Amino acid sequence: MGNANAKAVDGSVPPLPEPAQVEKPKLKPCCACPETKRARDACIIENGEENCGPLIEEHKACMRKMGFNI
């Protein structure tokens, strides 16, 4: 039986990325872009989703600028 605590150390393991290199959105999706979200939601309620394409796209663009993958 081998010693379970003895492990070989291999120096070829790549280093983990630093937290500063990994870009994360600072807001939750529900809290980002409140102006475009409000306009989009009001349009959808009043006119139906099929009639609000430009506002939907504007909100998507804002979300992308905030770092969300939409």
PDB file of N, CA and C in Angstrom:
ATOM      1  N   MET A   1       0.835  -1.186   0.000  1.00  0.00           N
ATOM      2  CA  MET A   1       0.000   0.000   0.000  1.00  0.00           C
ATOM      3  C   MET A   1       0.869   1.235   0.000  1.00  0.00           C
ATOM      4  N   GLY A   2       0.462   2.200  -0.778  1.00  0.00           N
ATOM      5  CA  GLY A   2       1.219   3.444  -0.856  1.00  0.00           C
ATOM      6  C   GLY A   2       0.691   4.458   0.137  1.00  0.00           C
ATOM      7  N   ASN A   3       1.449   5.458   0.314  1.00  0.00           N
ATOM      8  CA  ASN A   3       1.052   6.537   1.204  1.00  0.00           C
ATOM      9  C   ASN A   3       0.169   7.500   0.407  1.00  0.00           C
ATOM     10  N   ALA A   4      -1.094   7.652   0.809  1.00  0.00           N
ATOM     11  CA  ALA A   4      -2.047   8.488   0.087  1.00  0.00           C
ATOM     12  C   ALA A   4      -1.671   9.966   0.178  1.00  0.00           C
ATOM     13  N   ASN A   5      -0.906  10.338   1.187  1.00  0.00           N
ATOM     14  CA  ASN A   5      -0.539  11.736   1.351  1.00  0.00           C
ATOM     15  C   ASN A   5       0.653  12.129   0.477  1.00  0.00           C
ATOM     16  N   ALA A   6       1.386  11.159  -0.025  1.00  0.00           N
ATOM     17  CA  ALA A   6       2.558  11.457  -0.849  1.00  0.00           C
ATOM     18  C   ALA A   6       2.101  11.678  -2.285  1.00  0.00           C
ATOM     19  N   LYS A   7       2.370  12.862  -2.819  1.00  0.00           N
ATOM     20  CA  LYS A   7       1.982  13.192  -4.179  1.00  0.00           C
ATOM     21  C   LYS A   7       3.197  13.728  -4.912  1.00  0.00           C
ATOM     22  N   ALA A   8       3.319  13.369  -6.167  1.00  0.00           N
ATOM     23  CA  ALA A   8       4.407  13.887  -6.978  1.00  0.00           C
ATOM     24  C   ALA A   8       4.061  15.313  -7.392  1.00  0.00           C
ATOM     25  N   VAL A   9       5.025  16.190  -7.310  1.00  0.00           N
ATOM     26  CA  VAL A   9       4.810  17.576  -7.704  1.00  0.00           C
ATOM     27  C   VAL A   9       5.311  17.732  -9.125  1.00  0.00           C
ATOM     28  N   ASP A  10       4.398  18.140 -10.005  1.00  0.00           N
ATOM     29  CA  ASP A  10       4.748  18.316 -11.404  1.00  0.00           C
ATOM     30  C   ASP A  10       4.697  19.803 -11.711  1.00  0.00           C
ATOM     31  N   GLY A  11       5.776  20.375 -12.169  1.00  0.00           N
ATOM     32  CA  GLY A  11       5.847  21.808 -12.439  1.00  0.00           C
ATOM     33  C   GLY A  11       5.210  22.204 -13.758  1.00  0.00           C
ATOM     34  N   SER A  12       4.620  21.268 -14.501  1.00  0.00           N
ATOM     35  CA  SER A  12       4.070  21.593 -15.813  1.00  0.00           C
ATOM     36  C   SER A  12       2.612  22.040 -15.766  1.00  0.00           C
ATOM     37  N   VAL A  13       2.041  22.199 -14.589  1.00  0.00           N
ATOM     38  CA  VAL A  13       0.649  22.627 -14.469  1.00  0.00           C
ATOM     39  C   VAL A  13       0.573  24.109 -14.797  1.00  0.00           C
ATOM     40  N   PRO A  14      -0.285  24.499 -15.753  1.00  0.00           N
ATOM     41  CA  PRO A  14      -0.376  25.918 -16.108  1.00  0.00           C
ATOM     42  C   PRO A  14      -0.970  26.724 -14.960  1.00  0.00           C
ATOM     43  N   PRO A  15      -0.528  27.951 -14.770  1.00  0.00           N
ATOM     44  CA  PRO A  15      -1.052  28.770 -13.684  1.00  0.00           C
ATOM     45  C   PRO A  15      -2.495  29.158 -13.952  1.00  0.00           C
ATOM     46  N   LEU A  16      -3.264  29.333 -12.906  1.00  0.00           N
ATOM     47  CA  LEU A  16      -4.648  29.767 -13.031  1.00  0.00           C
ATOM     48  C   LEU A  16      -4.688  31.238 -13.407  1.00  0.00           C
ATOM     49  N   PRO A  17      -5.684  31.653 -14.158  1.00  0.00           N
ATOM     50  CA  PRO A  17      -5.763  33.082 -14.497  1.00  0.00           C
ATOM     51  C   PRO A  17      -6.052  33.913 -13.254  1.00  0.00           C
ATOM     52  N   GLU A  18      -5.455  35.083 -13.224  1.00  0.00           N
ATOM     53  CA  GLU A  18      -5.685  35.974 -12.091  1.00  0.00           C
ATOM     54  C   GLU A  18      -7.094  36.526 -12.183  1.00  0.00           C
ATOM     55  N   PRO A  19      -7.721  36.831 -11.046  1.00  0.00           N
ATOM     56  CA  PRO A  19      -9.083  37.351 -11.073  1.00  0.00           C
ATOM     57  C   PRO A  19      -9.218  38.613 -11.910  1.00  0.00           C
ATOM     58  N   ALA A  20      -8.194  39.435 -12.003  1.00  0.00           N
ATOM     59  CA  ALA A  20      -8.263  40.664 -12.778  1.00  0.00           C
ATOM     60  C   ALA A  20      -8.371  40.364 -14.275  1.00  0.00           C
ATOM     61  N   GLN A  21      -7.888  39.195 -14.722  1.00  0.00           N
ATOM     62  CA  GLN A  21      -7.930  38.847 -16.137  1.00  0.00           C
ATOM     63  C   GLN A  21      -9.305  38.337 -16.550  1.00  0.00           C
ATOM     64  N   VAL A  22     -10.055  37.787 -15.619  1.00  0.00           N
ATOM     65  CA  VAL A  22     -11.371  37.254 -15.914  1.00  0.00           C
ATOM     66  C   VAL A  22     -12.383  38.361 -15.679  1.00  0.00           C
ATOM     67  N   GLU A  23     -13.048  38.794 -16.757  1.00  0.00           N
ATOM     68  CA  GLU A  23     -13.976  39.908 -16.651  1.00  0.00           C
ATOM     69  C   GLU A  23     -15.364  39.378 -16.322  1.00  0.00           C
ATOM     70  N   LYS A  24     -15.916  39.820 -15.194  1.00  0.00           N
ATOM     71  CA  LYS A  24     -17.246  39.418 -14.780  1.00  0.00           C
ATOM     72  C   LYS A  24     -18.146  40.637 -14.720  1.00  0.00           C
ATOM     73  N   PRO A  25     -19.416  40.469 -15.092  1.00  0.00           N
ATOM     74  CA  PRO A  25     -20.338  41.579 -14.910  1.00  0.00           C
ATOM     75  C   PRO A  25     -20.474  41.902 -13.420  1.00  0.00           C
ATOM     76  N   LYS A  26     -20.498  43.195 -13.097  1.00  0.00           N
ATOM     77  CA  LYS A  26     -20.587  43.598 -11.705  1.00  0.00           C
ATOM     78  C   LYS A  26     -22.027  43.652 -11.215  1.00  0.00           C
ATOM     79  N   LEU A  27     -22.981  43.661 -12.144  1.00  0.00           N
ATOM     80  CA  LEU A  27     -24.395  43.701 -11.809  1.00  0.00           C
ATOM     81  C   LEU A  27     -25.059  42.396 -12.185  1.00  0.00           C
ATOM     82  N   LYS A  28     -26.193  42.153 -11.555  1.00  0.00           N
ATOM     83  CA  LYS A  28     -27.024  41.037 -11.974  1.00  0.00           C
ATOM     84  C   LYS A  28     -27.770  41.473 -13.232  1.00  0.00           C
ATOM     85  N   PRO A  29     -28.133  40.537 -14.103  1.00  0.00           N
ATOM     86  CA  PRO A  29     -28.838  40.916 -15.333  1.00  0.00           C
ATOM     87  C   PRO A  29     -30.120  41.702 -15.070  1.00  0.00           C
ATOM     88  N   CYS A  30     -30.782  41.402 -13.974  1.00  0.00           N
ATOM     89  CA  CYS A  30     -32.037  42.099 -13.681  1.00  0.00           C
ATOM     90  C   CYS A  30     -31.826  43.563 -13.314  1.00  0.00           C
ATOM     91  N   CYS A  31     -30.621  43.937 -12.910  1.00  0.00           N
ATOM     92  CA  CYS A  31     -30.344  45.303 -12.448  1.00  0.00           C
ATOM     93  C   CYS A  31     -29.613  46.147 -13.486  1.00  0.00           C
ATOM     94  N   ALA A  32     -29.138  45.527 -14.542  1.00  0.00           N
ATOM     95  CA  ALA A  32     -28.383  46.254 -15.561  1.00  0.00           C
ATOM     96  C   ALA A  32     -29.337  46.930 -16.535  1.00  0.00           C
ATOM     97  N   CYS A  33     -28.963  48.080 -17.015  1.00  0.00           N
ATOM     98  CA  CYS A  33     -29.691  48.816 -18.059  1.00  0.00           C
ATOM     99  C   CYS A  33     -31.159  49.062 -17.719  1.00  0.00           C
ATOM    100  N   PRO A  34     -31.450  49.693 -16.587  1.00  0.00           N
ATOM    101  CA  PRO A  34     -32.855  49.867 -16.200  1.00  0.00           C
ATOM    102  C   PRO A  34     -33.660  50.744 -17.165  1.00  0.00           C
ATOM    103  N   GLU A  35     -32.999  51.736 -17.801  1.00  0.00           N
ATOM    104  CA  GLU A  35     -33.736  52.625 -18.702  1.00  0.00           C
ATOM    105  C   GLU A  35     -34.233  51.872 -19.936  1.00  0.00           C
ATOM    106  N   THR A  36     -33.330  51.120 -20.565  1.00  0.00           N
ATOM    107  CA  THR A  36     -33.739  50.402 -21.774  1.00  0.00           C
ATOM    108  C   THR A  36     -34.672  49.247 -21.425  1.00  0.00           C
ATOM    109  N   LYS A  37     -34.487  48.663 -20.269  1.00  0.00           N
ATOM    110  CA  LYS A  37     -35.367  47.570 -19.836  1.00  0.00           C
ATOM    111  C   LYS A  37     -36.782  48.087 -19.618  1.00  0.00           C
ATOM    112  N   ARG A  38     -36.905  49.229 -18.963  1.00  0.00           N
ATOM    113  CA  ARG A  38     -38.226  49.806 -18.679  1.00  0.00           C
ATOM    114  C   ARG A  38     -38.957  50.132 -19.981  1.00  0.00           C
ATOM    115  N   ALA A  39     -38.247  50.774 -20.920  1.00  0.00           N
ATOM    116  CA  ALA A  39     -38.862  51.125 -22.201  1.00  0.00           C
ATOM    117  C   ALA A  39     -39.260  49.870 -22.980  1.00  0.00           C
ATOM    118  N   ARG A  40     -38.385  48.886 -22.997  1.00  0.00           N
ATOM    119  CA  ARG A  40     -38.665  47.622 -23.704  1.00  0.00           C
ATOM    120  C   ARG A  40     -39.888  46.930 -23.123  1.00  0.00           C
ATOM    121  N   ASP A  41     -39.926  46.811 -21.792  1.00  0.00           N
ATOM    122  CA  ASP A  41     -41.036  46.123 -21.137  1.00  0.00           C
ATOM    123  C   ASP A  41     -42.356  46.847 -21.359  1.00  0.00           C
ATOM    124  N   ALA A  42     -42.351  48.184 -21.271  1.00  0.00           N
ATOM    125  CA  ALA A  42     -43.582  48.952 -21.489  1.00  0.00           C
ATOM    126  C   ALA A  42     -44.081  48.752 -22.917  1.00  0.00           C
ATOM    127  N   CYS A  43     -43.177  48.764 -23.872  1.00  0.00           N
ATOM    128  CA  CYS A  43     -43.550  48.567 -25.270  1.00  0.00           C
ATOM    129  C   CYS A  43     -44.159  47.182 -25.476  1.00  0.00           C
ATOM    130  N   ILE A  44     -43.531  46.173 -24.904  1.00  0.00           N
ATOM    131  CA  ILE A  44     -44.025  44.807 -25.080  1.00  0.00           C
ATOM    132  C   ILE A  44     -45.418  44.661 -24.478  1.00  0.00           C
ATOM    133  N   ILE A  45     -45.640  45.247 -23.306  1.00  0.00           N
ATOM    134  CA  ILE A  45     -46.955  45.158 -22.659  1.00  0.00           C
ATOM    135  C   ILE A  45     -48.019  45.873 -23.489  1.00  0.00           C
ATOM    136  N   GLU A  46     -47.680  47.058 -24.007  1.00  0.00           N
ATOM    137  CA  GLU A  46     -48.662  47.865 -24.734  1.00  0.00           C
ATOM    138  C   GLU A  46     -48.863  47.425 -26.176  1.00  0.00           C
ATOM    139  N   ASN A  47     -47.793  46.982 -26.842  1.00  0.00           N
ATOM    140  CA  ASN A  47     -47.858  46.753 -28.284  1.00  0.00           C
ATOM    141  C   ASN A  47     -47.579  45.324 -28.722  1.00  0.00           C
ATOM    142  N   GLY A  48     -47.085  44.487 -27.837  1.00  0.00           N
ATOM    143  CA  GLY A  48     -46.706  43.127 -28.208  1.00  0.00           C
ATOM    144  C   GLY A  48     -45.252  43.064 -28.640  1.00  0.00           C
ATOM    145  N   GLU A  49     -44.625  41.948 -28.352  1.00  0.00           N
ATOM    146  CA  GLU A  49     -43.188  41.781 -28.610  1.00  0.00           C
ATOM    147  C   GLU A  49     -42.826  41.992 -30.080  1.00  0.00           C
ATOM    148  N   GLU A  50     -43.674  41.544 -30.979  1.00  0.00           N
ATOM    149  CA  GLU A  50     -43.365  41.637 -32.413  1.00  0.00           C
ATOM    150  C   GLU A  50     -43.270  43.083 -32.911  1.00  0.00           C
ATOM    151  N   ASN A  51     -43.807  44.047 -32.147  1.00  0.00           N
ATOM    152  CA  ASN A  51     -43.784  45.454 -32.544  1.00  0.00           C
ATOM    153  C   ASN A  51     -42.713  46.270 -31.819  1.00  0.00           C
ATOM    154  N   CYS A  52     -41.833  45.619 -31.086  1.00  0.00           N
ATOM    155  CA  CYS A  52     -40.854  46.344 -30.263  1.00  0.00           C
ATOM    156  C   CYS A  52     -39.419  45.957 -30.566  1.00  0.00           C
ATOM    157  N   GLY A  53     -39.165  45.497 -31.757  1.00  0.00           N
ATOM    158  CA  GLY A  53     -37.834  45.034 -32.145  1.00  0.00           C
ATOM    159  C   GLY A  53     -36.713  46.024 -31.854  1.00  0.00           C
ATOM    160  N   PRO A  54     -36.855  47.300 -32.239  1.00  0.00           N
ATOM    161  CA  PRO A  54     -35.762  48.248 -31.987  1.00  0.00           C
ATOM    162  C   PRO A  54     -35.449  48.439 -30.492  1.00  0.00           C
ATOM    163  N   LEU A  55     -36.482  48.473 -29.656  1.00  0.00           N
ATOM    164  CA  LEU A  55     -36.240  48.631 -28.215  1.00  0.00           C
ATOM    165  C   LEU A  55     -35.614  47.379 -27.617  1.00  0.00           C
ATOM    166  N   ILE A  56     -36.005  46.228 -28.120  1.00  0.00           N
ATOM    167  CA  ILE A  56     -35.416  44.964 -27.656  1.00  0.00           C
ATOM    168  C   ILE A  56     -33.940  44.926 -28.028  1.00  0.00           C
ATOM    169  N   GLU A  57     -33.617  45.307 -29.264  1.00  0.00           N
ATOM    170  CA  GLU A  57     -32.220  45.307 -29.711  1.00  0.00           C
ATOM    171  C   GLU A  57     -31.396  46.342 -28.950  1.00  0.00           C
ATOM    172  N   GLU A  58     -31.986  47.486 -28.646  1.00  0.00           N
ATOM    173  CA  GLU A  58     -31.280  48.512 -27.875  1.00  0.00           C
ATOM    174  C   GLU A  58     -30.937  47.986 -26.476  1.00  0.00           C
ATOM    175  N   HIS A  59     -31.879  47.271 -25.868  1.00  0.00           N
ATOM    176  CA  HIS A  59     -31.620  46.703 -24.536  1.00  0.00           C
ATOM    177  C   HIS A  59     -30.542  45.616 -24.614  1.00  0.00           C
ATOM    178  N   LYS A  60     -30.583  44.793 -25.646  1.00  0.00           N
ATOM    179  CA  LYS A  60     -29.553  43.763 -25.819  1.00  0.00           C
ATOM    180  C   LYS A  60     -28.171  44.406 -25.969  1.00  0.00           C
ATOM    181  N   ALA A  61     -28.092  45.485 -26.753  1.00  0.00           N
ATOM    182  CA  ALA A  61     -26.811  46.173 -26.952  1.00  0.00           C
ATOM    183  C   ALA A  61     -26.300  46.735 -25.634  1.00  0.00           C
ATOM    184  N   CYS A  62     -27.184  47.298 -24.836  1.00  0.00           N
ATOM    185  CA  CYS A  62     -26.789  47.828 -23.528  1.00  0.00           C
ATOM    186  C   CYS A  62     -26.276  46.700 -22.639  1.00  0.00           C
ATOM    187  N   MET A  63     -26.960  45.575 -22.626  1.00  0.00           N
ATOM    188  CA  MET A  63     -26.545  44.440 -21.808  1.00  0.00           C
ATOM    189  C   MET A  63     -25.160  43.941 -22.234  1.00  0.00           C
ATOM    190  N   ARG A  64     -24.915  43.914 -23.541  1.00  0.00           N
ATOM    191  CA  ARG A  64     -23.594  43.482 -24.037  1.00  0.00           C
ATOM    192  C   ARG A  64     -22.510  44.450 -23.586  1.00  0.00           C
ATOM    193  N   LYS A  65     -22.823  45.751 -23.626  1.00  0.00           N
ATOM    194  CA  LYS A  65     -21.839  46.752 -23.170  1.00  0.00           C
ATOM    195  C   LYS A  65     -21.525  46.578 -21.697  1.00  0.00           C
ATOM    196  N   MET A  66     -22.495  46.089 -20.929  1.00  0.00           N
ATOM    197  CA  MET A  66     -22.306  45.881 -19.500  1.00  0.00           C
ATOM    198  C   MET A  66     -21.564  44.576 -19.209  1.00  0.00           C
ATOM    199  N   GLY A  67     -21.269  43.787 -20.253  1.00  0.00           N
ATOM    200  CA  GLY A  67     -20.484  42.567 -20.089  1.00  0.00           C
ATOM    201  C   GLY A  67     -21.272  41.278 -20.087  1.00  0.00           C
ATOM    202  N   PHE A  68     -22.555  41.340 -20.396  1.00  0.00           N
ATOM    203  CA  PHE A  68     -23.362  40.136 -20.426  1.00  0.00           C
ATOM    204  C   PHE A  68     -23.341  39.541 -21.828  1.00  0.00           C
ATOM    205  N   ASN A  69     -23.352  38.223 -21.912  1.00  0.00           N
ATOM    206  CA  ASN A  69     -23.319  37.509 -23.179  1.00  0.00           C
ATOM    207  C   ASN A  69     -24.764  37.238 -23.617  1.00  0.00           C
ATOM    208  N   ILE A  70     -25.305  38.152 -24.389  1.00  0.00           N
ATOM    209  CA  ILE A  70     -26.707  38.056 -24.814  1.00  0.00           C
ATOM    210  C   ILE A  70     -26.739  37.737 -26.292  1.00  0.00           C
TER     211      ILE A  70
END
